[in-house]
Amino acid sequence: MSTEKKRKEGTGHGVDLQDRQKVEPPKKYKVVLHNDDFTPMDFVIIVLMDAFNFSFDKAAAIMMQVHEQGKGIAGAYSKEIALMKVKKCNQIARHEGHPLLVTMEAE
């Protein structure tokens, strides 16, 4: 068997760089909290501390962003993690009777 033939049979050598596929990192998704006129600010802080393990100060800063700007970003995660955090936040809010809305959007 010739050397040329061996190179093409799966050793990986002799493959043009143009033939290789680019591997891109997975998309990130932002977890977004939306402001409403009914959910208490203290409750939003509790949710952020519980679902994201934030310190009180970090949770309070995000809550103020939600309050002042209409929405706040709790973080950017892989699709599965973001979905899990959105579900957890919304479940906590519904269980306590608050209309807090948490969504995710692609970065």
PDB file of N, CA and C in Angstrom:
ATOM      1  N   MET A   1       0.847  -1.166   0.000  1.00  0.00           N
ATOM      2  CA  MET A   1       0.000   0.000   0.000  1.00  0.00           C
ATOM      3  C   MET A   1       0.896   1.233   0.000  1.00  0.00           C
ATOM      4  N   SER A   2       0.577   2.165  -0.814  1.00  0.00           N
ATOM      5  CA  SER A   2       1.416   3.346  -0.933  1.00  0.00           C
ATOM      6  C   SER A   2       1.199   4.277   0.267  1.00  0.00           C
ATOM      7  N   THR A   3       2.175   5.113   0.501  1.00  0.00           N
ATOM      8  CA  THR A   3       2.105   6.075   1.608  1.00  0.00           C
ATOM      9  C   THR A   3       0.952   7.038   1.401  1.00  0.00           C
ATOM     10  N   GLU A   4       0.735   7.440   0.171  1.00  0.00           N
ATOM     11  CA  GLU A   4      -0.355   8.365  -0.145  1.00  0.00           C
ATOM     12  C   GLU A   4      -1.698   7.754   0.221  1.00  0.00           C
ATOM     13  N   LYS A   5      -1.896   6.489  -0.096  1.00  0.00           N
ATOM     14  CA  LYS A   5      -3.165   5.813   0.186  1.00  0.00           C
ATOM     15  C   LYS A   5      -3.370   5.698   1.701  1.00  0.00           C
ATOM     16  N   LYS A   6      -2.307   5.401   2.465  1.00  0.00           N
ATOM     17  CA  LYS A   6      -2.413   5.291   3.919  1.00  0.00           C
ATOM     18  C   LYS A   6      -2.864   6.613   4.532  1.00  0.00           C
ATOM     19  N   ARG A   7      -2.363   7.721   4.016  1.00  0.00           N
ATOM     20  CA  ARG A   7      -2.723   9.032   4.561  1.00  0.00           C
ATOM     21  C   ARG A   7      -4.207   9.327   4.421  1.00  0.00           C
ATOM     22  N   LYS A   8      -4.820   8.834   3.401  1.00  0.00           N
ATOM     23  CA  LYS A   8      -6.224   9.144   3.145  1.00  0.00           C
ATOM     24  C   LYS A   8      -7.180   8.178   3.837  1.00  0.00           C
ATOM     25  N   GLU A   9      -6.657   7.124   4.471  1.00  0.00           N
ATOM     26  CA  GLU A   9      -7.533   6.107   5.042  1.00  0.00           C
ATOM     27  C   GLU A   9      -7.859   6.331   6.516  1.00  0.00           C
ATOM     28  N   GLY A  10      -7.888   7.550   6.988  1.00  0.00           N
ATOM     29  CA  GLY A  10      -8.364   7.782   8.334  1.00  0.00           C
ATOM     30  C   GLY A  10      -7.314   8.091   9.377  1.00  0.00           C
ATOM     31  N   THR A  11      -6.090   8.275   8.981  1.00  0.00           N
ATOM     32  CA  THR A  11      -5.083   8.635   9.976  1.00  0.00           C
ATOM     33  C   THR A  11      -5.187  10.106  10.328  1.00  0.00           C
ATOM     34  N   GLY A  12      -5.897  10.871   9.533  1.00  0.00           N
ATOM     35  CA  GLY A  12      -6.053  12.290   9.784  1.00  0.00           C
ATOM     36  C   GLY A  12      -5.001  13.121   9.094  1.00  0.00           C
ATOM     37  N   HIS A  13      -3.966  12.480   8.634  1.00  0.00           N
ATOM     38  CA  HIS A  13      -2.906  13.203   7.931  1.00  0.00           C
ATOM     39  C   HIS A  13      -3.319  13.369   6.482  1.00  0.00           C
ATOM     40  N   GLY A  14      -2.896  14.443   5.922  1.00  0.00           N
ATOM     41  CA  GLY A  14      -3.174  14.686   4.520  1.00  0.00           C
ATOM     42  C   GLY A  14      -4.552  15.300   4.282  1.00  0.00           C
ATOM     43  N   VAL A  15      -5.254  15.667   5.331  1.00  0.00           N
ATOM     44  CA  VAL A  15      -6.569  16.291   5.187  1.00  0.00           C
ATOM     45  C   VAL A  15      -6.354  17.787   5.073  1.00  0.00           C
ATOM     46  N   ASP A  16      -6.929  18.367   4.051  1.00  0.00           N
ATOM     47  CA  ASP A  16      -6.795  19.807   3.867  1.00  0.00           C
ATOM     48  C   ASP A  16      -7.486  20.540   5.004  1.00  0.00           C
ATOM     49  N   LEU A  17      -6.915  21.657   5.425  1.00  0.00           N
ATOM     50  CA  LEU A  17      -7.525  22.466   6.476  1.00  0.00           C
ATOM     51  C   LEU A  17      -8.903  22.964   6.060  1.00  0.00           C
ATOM     52  N   GLN A  18      -9.109  23.164   4.777  1.00  0.00           N
ATOM     53  CA  GLN A  18     -10.394  23.639   4.282  1.00  0.00           C
ATOM     54  C   GLN A  18     -11.491  22.591   4.482  1.00  0.00           C
ATOM     55  N   ASP A  19     -11.111  21.311   4.554  1.00  0.00           N
ATOM     56  CA  ASP A  19     -12.090  20.245   4.705  1.00  0.00           C
ATOM     57  C   ASP A  19     -12.555  20.088   6.161  1.00  0.00           C
ATOM     58  N   ARG A  20     -11.833  20.653   7.098  1.00  0.00           N
ATOM     59  CA  ARG A  20     -12.186  20.510   8.508  1.00  0.00           C
ATOM     60  C   ARG A  20     -13.339  21.443   8.856  1.00  0.00           C
ATOM     61  N   GLN A  21     -14.182  20.997   9.760  1.00  0.00           N
ATOM     62  CA  GLN A  21     -15.306  21.819  10.194  1.00  0.00           C
ATOM     63  C   GLN A  21     -14.897  22.690  11.365  1.00  0.00           C
ATOM     64  N   LYS A  22     -15.415  23.887  11.398  1.00  0.00           N
ATOM     65  CA  LYS A  22     -15.166  24.769  12.531  1.00  0.00           C
ATOM     66  C   LYS A  22     -16.105  24.367  13.662  1.00  0.00           C
ATOM     67  N   VAL A  23     -15.568  24.311  14.853  1.00  0.00           N
ATOM     68  CA  VAL A  23     -16.384  24.011  16.023  1.00  0.00           C
ATOM     69  C   VAL A  23     -16.542  25.306  16.806  1.00  0.00           C
ATOM     70  N   GLU A  24     -17.774  25.734  16.955  1.00  0.00           N
ATOM     71  CA  GLU A  24     -18.041  26.972  17.673  1.00  0.00           C
ATOM     72  C   GLU A  24     -18.591  26.645  19.050  1.00  0.00           C
ATOM     73  N   PRO A  25     -18.309  27.497  20.018  1.00  0.00           N
ATOM     74  CA  PRO A  25     -18.858  27.262  21.356  1.00  0.00           C
ATOM     75  C   PRO A  25     -20.387  27.368  21.321  1.00  0.00           C
ATOM     76  N   PRO A  26     -21.079  26.694  22.226  1.00  0.00           N
ATOM     77  CA  PRO A  26     -22.537  26.750  22.221  1.00  0.00           C
ATOM     78  C   PRO A  26     -23.043  28.155  22.538  1.00  0.00           C
ATOM     79  N   LYS A  27     -24.218  28.459  22.023  1.00  0.00           N
ATOM     80  CA  LYS A  27     -24.852  29.746  22.278  1.00  0.00           C
ATOM     81  C   LYS A  27     -25.116  29.912  23.763  1.00  0.00           C
ATOM     82  N   LYS A  28     -25.066  31.144  24.217  1.00  0.00           N
ATOM     83  CA  LYS A  28     -25.420  31.462  25.598  1.00  0.00           C
ATOM     84  C   LYS A  28     -26.792  32.134  25.594  1.00  0.00           C
ATOM     85  N   TYR A  29     -27.519  31.937  26.684  1.00  0.00           N
ATOM     86  CA  TYR A  29     -28.846  32.521  26.838  1.00  0.00           C
ATOM     87  C   TYR A  29     -28.895  33.345  28.116  1.00  0.00           C
ATOM     88  N   LYS A  30     -29.421  34.560  27.994  1.00  0.00           N
ATOM     89  CA  LYS A  30     -29.546  35.441  29.152  1.00  0.00           C
ATOM     90  C   LYS A  30     -30.826  35.094  29.906  1.00  0.00           C
ATOM     91  N   VAL A  31     -30.730  35.060  31.222  1.00  0.00           N
ATOM     92  CA  VAL A  31     -31.903  34.886  32.071  1.00  0.00           C
ATOM     93  C   VAL A  31     -32.341  36.293  32.476  1.00  0.00           C
ATOM     94  N   VAL A  32     -33.573  36.663  32.093  1.00  0.00           N
ATOM     95  CA  VAL A  32     -34.064  38.029  32.239  1.00  0.00           C
ATOM     96  C   VAL A  32     -35.243  38.067  33.213  1.00  0.00           C
ATOM     97  N   LEU A  33     -35.158  38.961  34.201  1.00  0.00           N
ATOM     98  CA  LEU A  33     -36.269  39.201  35.118  1.00  0.00           C
ATOM     99  C   LEU A  33     -36.982  40.461  34.658  1.00  0.00           C
ATOM    100  N   HIS A  34     -38.309  40.406  34.622  1.00  0.00           N
ATOM    101  CA  HIS A  34     -39.111  41.531  34.137  1.00  0.00           C
ATOM    102  C   HIS A  34     -39.826  42.205  35.307  1.00  0.00           C
ATOM    103  N   ASN A  35     -39.888  43.515  35.225  1.00  0.00           N
ATOM    104  CA  ASN A  35     -40.529  44.303  36.277  1.00  0.00           C
ATOM    105  C   ASN A  35     -42.051  44.177  36.202  1.00  0.00           C
ATOM    106  N   ASP A  36     -42.679  44.204  37.352  1.00  0.00           N
ATOM    107  CA  ASP A  36     -44.137  44.309  37.432  1.00  0.00           C
ATOM    108  C   ASP A  36     -44.455  45.173  38.646  1.00  0.00           C
ATOM    109  N   ASP A  37     -45.711  45.563  38.781  1.00  0.00           N
ATOM    110  CA  ASP A  37     -46.093  46.469  39.867  1.00  0.00           C
ATOM    111  C   ASP A  37     -46.544  45.739  41.129  1.00  0.00           C
ATOM    112  N   PHE A  38     -46.430  44.424  41.169  1.00  0.00           N
ATOM    113  CA  PHE A  38     -46.986  43.677  42.289  1.00  0.00           C
ATOM    114  C   PHE A  38     -45.976  42.862  43.089  1.00  0.00           C
ATOM    115  N   THR A  39     -44.930  42.367  42.451  1.00  0.00           N
ATOM    116  CA  THR A  39     -43.954  41.534  43.148  1.00  0.00           C
ATOM    117  C   THR A  39     -43.082  42.405  44.049  1.00  0.00           C
ATOM    118  N   PRO A  40     -43.018  42.096  45.337  1.00  0.00           N
ATOM    119  CA  PRO A  40     -42.183  42.897  46.250  1.00  0.00           C
ATOM    120  C   PRO A  40     -40.693  42.778  45.914  1.00  0.00           C
ATOM    121  N   MET A  41     -39.984  43.870  46.099  1.00  0.00           N
ATOM    122  CA  MET A  41     -38.548  43.897  45.807  1.00  0.00           C
ATOM    123  C   MET A  41     -37.794  42.886  46.671  1.00  0.00           C
ATOM    124  N   ASP A  42     -38.192  42.762  47.921  1.00  0.00           N
ATOM    125  CA  ASP A  42     -37.535  41.797  48.816  1.00  0.00           C
ATOM    126  C   ASP A  42     -37.676  40.376  48.290  1.00  0.00           C
ATOM    127  N   PHE A  43     -38.829  40.068  47.711  1.00  0.00           N
ATOM    128  CA  PHE A  43     -39.052  38.731  47.172  1.00  0.00           C
ATOM    129  C   PHE A  43     -38.138  38.469  45.980  1.00  0.00           C
ATOM    130  N   VAL A  44     -37.942  39.463  45.129  1.00  0.00           N
ATOM    131  CA  VAL A  44     -37.053  39.306  43.966  1.00  0.00           C
ATOM    132  C   VAL A  44     -35.633  39.002  44.444  1.00  0.00           C
ATOM    133  N   ILE A  45     -35.199  39.665  45.492  1.00  0.00           N
ATOM    134  CA  ILE A  45     -33.874  39.404  46.061  1.00  0.00           C
ATOM    135  C   ILE A  45     -33.784  37.959  46.551  1.00  0.00           C
ATOM    136  N   ILE A  46     -34.818  37.501  47.237  1.00  0.00           N
ATOM    137  CA  ILE A  46     -34.837  36.121  47.742  1.00  0.00           C
ATOM    138  C   ILE A  46     -34.750  35.124  46.586  1.00  0.00           C
ATOM    139  N   VAL A  47     -35.500  35.367  45.527  1.00  0.00           N
ATOM    140  CA  VAL A  47     -35.484  34.471  44.364  1.00  0.00           C
ATOM    141  C   VAL A  47     -34.085  34.424  43.747  1.00  0.00           C
ATOM    142  N   LEU A  48     -33.467  35.584  43.591  1.00  0.00           N
ATOM    143  CA  LEU A  48     -32.119  35.635  43.004  1.00  0.00           C
ATOM    144  C   LEU A  48     -31.104  34.916  43.883  1.00  0.00           C
ATOM    145  N   MET A  49     -31.215  35.075  45.183  1.00  0.00           N
ATOM    146  CA  MET A  49     -30.293  34.402  46.090  1.00  0.00           C
ATOM    147  C   MET A  49     -30.510  32.887  46.063  1.00  0.00           C
ATOM    148  N   ASP A  50     -31.768  32.471  45.968  1.00  0.00           N
ATOM    149  CA  ASP A  50     -32.089  31.047  45.981  1.00  0.00           C
ATOM    150  C   ASP A  50     -31.732  30.362  44.664  1.00  0.00           C
ATOM    151  N   ALA A  51     -32.165  30.927  43.552  1.00  0.00           N
ATOM    152  CA  ALA A  51     -31.995  30.273  42.255  1.00  0.00           C
ATOM    153  C   ALA A  51     -30.586  30.420  41.682  1.00  0.00           C
ATOM    154  N   PHE A  52     -29.893  31.506  42.037  1.00  0.00           N
ATOM    155  CA  PHE A  52     -28.595  31.775  41.428  1.00  0.00           C
ATOM    156  C   PHE A  52     -27.440  31.763  42.436  1.00  0.00           C
ATOM    157  N   ASN A  53     -27.757  31.567  43.701  1.00  0.00           N
ATOM    158  CA  ASN A  53     -26.747  31.583  44.769  1.00  0.00           C
ATOM    159  C   ASN A  53     -25.981  32.903  44.827  1.00  0.00           C
ATOM    160  N   PHE A  54     -26.673  34.007  44.536  1.00  0.00           N
ATOM    161  CA  PHE A  54     -26.040  35.315  44.605  1.00  0.00           C
ATOM    162  C   PHE A  54     -25.957  35.771  46.055  1.00  0.00           C
ATOM    163  N   SER A  55     -24.986  36.635  46.327  1.00  0.00           N
ATOM    164  CA  SER A  55     -24.925  37.287  47.636  1.00  0.00           C
ATOM    165  C   SER A  55     -26.078  38.282  47.713  1.00  0.00           C
ATOM    166  N   PHE A  56     -26.365  38.748  48.909  1.00  0.00           N
ATOM    167  CA  PHE A  56     -27.442  39.734  49.074  1.00  0.00           C
ATOM    168  C   PHE A  56     -27.155  40.973  48.237  1.00  0.00           C
ATOM    169  N   ASP A  57     -25.911  41.460  48.271  1.00  0.00           N
ATOM    170  CA  ASP A  57     -25.564  42.688  47.550  1.00  0.00           C
ATOM    171  C   ASP A  57     -25.736  42.540  46.039  1.00  0.00           C
ATOM    172  N   LYS A  58     -25.297  41.413  45.493  1.00  0.00           N
ATOM    173  CA  LYS A  58     -25.445  41.190  44.039  1.00  0.00           C
ATOM    174  C   LYS A  58     -26.916  41.059  43.669  1.00  0.00           C
ATOM    175  N   ALA A  59     -27.676  40.327  44.476  1.00  0.00           N
ATOM    176  CA  ALA A  59     -29.110  40.166  44.213  1.00  0.00           C
ATOM    177  C   ALA A  59     -29.825  41.509  44.296  1.00  0.00           C
ATOM    178  N   ALA A  60     -29.465  42.327  45.263  1.00  0.00           N
ATOM    179  CA  ALA A  60     -30.087  43.647  45.414  1.00  0.00           C
ATOM    180  C   ALA A  60     -29.755  44.543  44.225  1.00  0.00           C
ATOM    181  N   ALA A  61     -28.537  44.450  43.704  1.00  0.00           N
ATOM    182  CA  ALA A  61     -28.148  45.260  42.545  1.00  0.00           C
ATOM    183  C   ALA A  61     -28.961  44.858  41.304  1.00  0.00           C
ATOM    184  N   ILE A  62     -29.157  43.567  41.105  1.00  0.00           N
ATOM    185  CA  ILE A  62     -29.950  43.111  39.958  1.00  0.00           C
ATOM    186  C   ILE A  62     -31.411  43.510  40.141  1.00  0.00           C
ATOM    187  N   MET A  63     -31.914  43.391  41.367  1.00  0.00           N
ATOM    188  CA  MET A  63     -33.292  43.801  41.638  1.00  0.00           C
ATOM    189  C   MET A  63     -33.490  45.281  41.322  1.00  0.00           C
ATOM    190  N   MET A  64     -32.518  46.113  41.669  1.00  0.00           N
ATOM    191  CA  MET A  64     -32.628  47.547  41.372  1.00  0.00           C
ATOM    192  C   MET A  64     -32.599  47.796  39.863  1.00  0.00           C
ATOM    193  N   GLN A  65     -31.829  47.012  39.137  1.00  0.00           N
ATOM    194  CA  GLN A  65     -31.809  47.114  37.675  1.00  0.00           C
ATOM    195  C   GLN A  65     -33.199  46.780  37.123  1.00  0.00           C
ATOM    196  N   VAL A  66     -33.817  45.738  37.651  1.00  0.00           N
ATOM    197  CA  VAL A  66     -35.171  45.359  37.226  1.00  0.00           C
ATOM    198  C   VAL A  66     -36.139  46.498  37.528  1.00  0.00           C
ATOM    199  N   HIS A  67     -36.043  47.033  38.733  1.00  0.00           N
ATOM    200  CA  HIS A  67     -36.956  48.085  39.183  1.00  0.00           C
ATOM    201  C   HIS A  67     -36.799  49.375  38.368  1.00  0.00           C
ATOM    202  N   GLU A  68     -35.569  49.765  38.099  1.00  0.00           N
ATOM    203  CA  GLU A  68     -35.317  51.050  37.443  1.00  0.00           C
ATOM    204  C   GLU A  68     -35.364  50.984  35.915  1.00  0.00           C
ATOM    205  N   GLN A  69     -34.971  49.846  35.341  1.00  0.00           N
ATOM    206  CA  GLN A  69     -34.883  49.755  33.885  1.00  0.00           C
ATOM    207  C   GLN A  69     -35.969  48.881  33.256  1.00  0.00           C
ATOM    208  N   GLY A  70     -36.784  48.250  34.076  1.00  0.00           N
ATOM    209  CA  GLY A  70     -37.861  47.426  33.546  1.00  0.00           C
ATOM    210  C   GLY A  70     -37.501  45.963  33.396  1.00  0.00           C
ATOM    211  N   LYS A  71     -36.206  45.682  33.343  1.00  0.00           N
ATOM    212  CA  LYS A  71     -35.754  44.293  33.317  1.00  0.00           C
ATOM    213  C   LYS A  71     -34.299  44.243  33.753  1.00  0.00           C
ATOM    214  N   GLY A  72     -33.899  43.064  34.199  1.00  0.00           N
ATOM    215  CA  GLY A  72     -32.526  42.879  34.639  1.00  0.00           C
ATOM    216  C   GLY A  72     -32.038  41.507  34.228  1.00  0.00           C
ATOM    217  N   ILE A  73     -30.752  41.403  33.995  1.00  0.00           N
ATOM    218  CA  ILE A  73     -30.161  40.142  33.551  1.00  0.00           C
ATOM    219  C   ILE A  73     -29.455  39.489  34.732  1.00  0.00           C
ATOM    220  N   ALA A  74     -29.878  38.265  35.028  1.00  0.00           N
ATOM    221  CA  ALA A  74     -29.294  37.523  36.145  1.00  0.00           C
ATOM    222  C   ALA A  74     -28.032  36.785  35.722  1.00  0.00           C
ATOM    223  N   GLY A  75     -27.837  36.583  34.430  1.00  0.00           N
ATOM    224  CA  GLY A  75     -26.647  35.892  33.958  1.00  0.00           C
ATOM    225  C   GLY A  75     -26.869  35.295  32.586  1.00  0.00           C
ATOM    226  N   ALA A  76     -25.793  34.756  32.017  1.00  0.00           N
ATOM    227  CA  ALA A  76     -25.852  34.094  30.706  1.00  0.00           C
ATOM    228  C   ALA A  76     -25.337  32.671  30.882  1.00  0.00           C
ATOM    229  N   TYR A  77     -26.115  31.718  30.384  1.00  0.00           N
ATOM    230  CA  TYR A  77     -25.829  30.307  30.615  1.00  0.00           C
ATOM    231  C   TYR A  77     -26.068  29.512  29.335  1.00  0.00           C
ATOM    232  N   SER A  78     -25.674  28.249  29.365  1.00  0.00           N
ATOM    233  CA  SER A  78     -26.025  27.362  28.263  1.00  0.00           C
ATOM    234  C   SER A  78     -27.551  27.248  28.239  1.00  0.00           C
ATOM    235  N   LYS A  79     -28.084  26.782  27.143  1.00  0.00           N
ATOM    236  CA  LYS A  79     -29.539  26.729  26.971  1.00  0.00           C
ATOM    237  C   LYS A  79     -30.206  25.915  28.080  1.00  0.00           C
ATOM    238  N   GLU A  80     -29.642  24.764  28.406  1.00  0.00           N
ATOM    239  CA  GLU A  80     -30.254  23.878  29.406  1.00  0.00           C
ATOM    240  C   GLU A  80     -30.235  24.497  30.794  1.00  0.00           C
ATOM    241  N   ILE A  81     -29.111  25.108  31.162  1.00  0.00           N
ATOM    242  CA  ILE A  81     -28.998  25.733  32.490  1.00  0.00           C
ATOM    243  C   ILE A  81     -29.937  26.933  32.577  1.00  0.00           C
ATOM    244  N   ALA A  82     -29.978  27.755  31.531  1.00  0.00           N
ATOM    245  CA  ALA A  82     -30.856  28.924  31.529  1.00  0.00           C
ATOM    246  C   ALA A  82     -32.315  28.498  31.672  1.00  0.00           C
ATOM    247  N   LEU A  83     -32.704  27.468  30.944  1.00  0.00           N
ATOM    248  CA  LEU A  83     -34.082  26.979  31.020  1.00  0.00           C
ATOM    249  C   LEU A  83     -34.410  26.486  32.429  1.00  0.00           C
ATOM    250  N   MET A  84     -33.479  25.783  33.037  1.00  0.00           N
ATOM    251  CA  MET A  84     -33.681  25.279  34.389  1.00  0.00           C
ATOM    252  C   MET A  84     -33.847  26.441  35.385  1.00  0.00           C
ATOM    253  N   LYS A  85     -33.040  27.483  35.247  1.00  0.00           N
ATOM    254  CA  LYS A  85     -33.119  28.625  36.160  1.00  0.00           C
ATOM    255  C   LYS A  85     -34.420  29.400  35.951  1.00  0.00           C
ATOM    256  N   VAL A  86     -34.842  29.554  34.701  1.00  0.00           N
ATOM    257  CA  VAL A  86     -36.110  30.235  34.406  1.00  0.00           C
ATOM    258  C   VAL A  86     -37.267  29.477  35.060  1.00  0.00           C
ATOM    259  N   LYS A  87     -37.288  28.161  34.886  1.00  0.00           N
ATOM    260  CA  LYS A  87     -38.364  27.354  35.474  1.00  0.00           C
ATOM    261  C   LYS A  87     -38.368  27.457  36.987  1.00  0.00           C
ATOM    262  N   LYS A  88     -37.189  27.395  37.593  1.00  0.00           N
ATOM    263  CA  LYS A  88     -37.101  27.458  39.050  1.00  0.00           C
ATOM    264  C   LYS A  88     -37.617  28.799  39.570  1.00  0.00           C
ATOM    265  N   CYS A  89     -37.197  29.887  38.950  1.00  0.00           N
ATOM    266  CA  CYS A  89     -37.645  31.222  39.378  1.00  0.00           C
ATOM    267  C   CYS A  89     -39.158  31.370  39.244  1.00  0.00           C
ATOM    268  N   ASN A  90     -39.693  30.948  38.098  1.00  0.00           N
ATOM    269  CA  ASN A  90     -41.132  31.070  37.879  1.00  0.00           C
ATOM    270  C   ASN A  90     -41.920  30.172  38.832  1.00  0.00           C
ATOM    271  N   GLN A  91     -41.399  28.990  39.145  1.00  0.00           N
ATOM    272  CA  GLN A  91     -42.074  28.103  40.094  1.00  0.00           C
ATOM    273  C   GLN A  91     -42.112  28.712  41.490  1.00  0.00           C
ATOM    274  N   ILE A  92     -40.999  29.280  41.916  1.00  0.00           N
ATOM    275  CA  ILE A  92     -40.952  29.918  43.237  1.00  0.00           C
ATOM    276  C   ILE A  92     -41.964  31.055  43.291  1.00  0.00           C
ATOM    277  N   ALA A  93     -41.983  31.881  42.263  1.00  0.00           N
ATOM    278  CA  ALA A  93     -42.895  33.029  42.232  1.00  0.00           C
ATOM    279  C   ALA A  93     -44.361  32.580  42.256  1.00  0.00           C
ATOM    280  N   ARG A  94     -44.713  31.587  41.445  1.00  0.00           N
ATOM    281  CA  ARG A  94     -46.112  31.115  41.410  1.00  0.00           C
ATOM    282  C   ARG A  94     -46.507  30.480  42.740  1.00  0.00           C
ATOM    283  N   HIS A  95     -45.580  29.723  43.320  1.00  0.00           N
ATOM    284  CA  HIS A  95     -45.857  29.060  44.599  1.00  0.00           C
ATOM    285  C   HIS A  95     -46.173  30.087  45.691  1.00  0.00           C
ATOM    286  N   GLU A  96     -45.505  31.235  45.622  1.00  0.00           N
ATOM    287  CA  GLU A  96     -45.722  32.294  46.619  1.00  0.00           C
ATOM    288  C   GLU A  96     -46.804  33.292  46.184  1.00  0.00           C
ATOM    289  N   GLY A  97     -47.396  33.071  45.001  1.00  0.00           N
ATOM    290  CA  GLY A  97     -48.498  33.920  44.544  1.00  0.00           C
ATOM    291  C   GLY A  97     -48.073  35.238  43.928  1.00  0.00           C
ATOM    292  N   HIS A  98     -46.864  35.311  43.401  1.00  0.00           N
ATOM    293  CA  HIS A  98     -46.380  36.551  42.789  1.00  0.00           C
ATOM    294  C   HIS A  98     -46.319  36.404  41.270  1.00  0.00           C
ATOM    295  N   PRO A  99     -46.583  37.508  40.542  1.00  0.00           N
ATOM    296  CA  PRO A  99     -46.572  37.434  39.068  1.00  0.00           C
ATOM    297  C   PRO A  99     -45.202  37.665  38.437  1.00  0.00           C
ATOM    298  N   LEU A 100     -44.124  37.583  39.196  1.00  0.00           N
ATOM    299  CA  LEU A 100     -42.773  37.803  38.653  1.00  0.00           C
ATOM    300  C   LEU A 100     -42.586  36.958  37.397  1.00  0.00           C
ATOM    301  N   LEU A 101     -42.117  37.593  36.338  1.00  0.00           N
ATOM    302  CA  LEU A 101     -41.876  36.897  35.080  1.00  0.00           C
ATOM    303  C   LEU A 101     -40.377  36.816  34.827  1.00  0.00           C
ATOM    304  N   VAL A 102     -39.895  35.611  34.602  1.00  0.00           N
ATOM    305  CA  VAL A 102     -38.488  35.377  34.274  1.00  0.00           C
ATOM    306  C   VAL A 102     -38.464  34.638  32.943  1.00  0.00           C
ATOM    307  N   THR A 103     -37.692  35.154  31.990  1.00  0.00           N
ATOM    308  CA  THR A 103     -37.606  34.563  30.662  1.00  0.00           C
ATOM    309  C   THR A 103     -36.139  34.381  30.293  1.00  0.00           C
ATOM    310  N   MET A 104     -35.899  33.791  29.122  1.00  0.00           N
ATOM    311  CA  MET A 104     -34.538  33.690  28.601  1.00  0.00           C
ATOM    312  C   MET A 104     -34.533  34.145  27.156  1.00  0.00           C
ATOM    313  N   GLU A 105     -33.394  34.700  26.749  1.00  0.00           N
ATOM    314  CA  GLU A 105     -33.249  35.128  25.358  1.00  0.00           C
ATOM    315  C   GLU A 105     -31.810  34.887  24.923  1.00  0.00           C
ATOM    316  N   ALA A 106     -31.651  34.588  23.658  1.00  0.00           N
ATOM    317  CA  ALA A 106     -30.318  34.311  23.111  1.00  0.00           C
ATOM    318  C   ALA A 106     -29.468  35.562  23.162  1.00  0.00           C
ATOM    319  N   GLU A 107     -28.179  35.368  23.417  1.00  0.00           N
ATOM    320  CA  GLU A 107     -27.237  36.499  23.428  1.00  0.00           C
ATOM    321  C   GLU A 107     -26.946  36.943  22.019  1.00  0.00           C
TER     322      GLU A 107
END
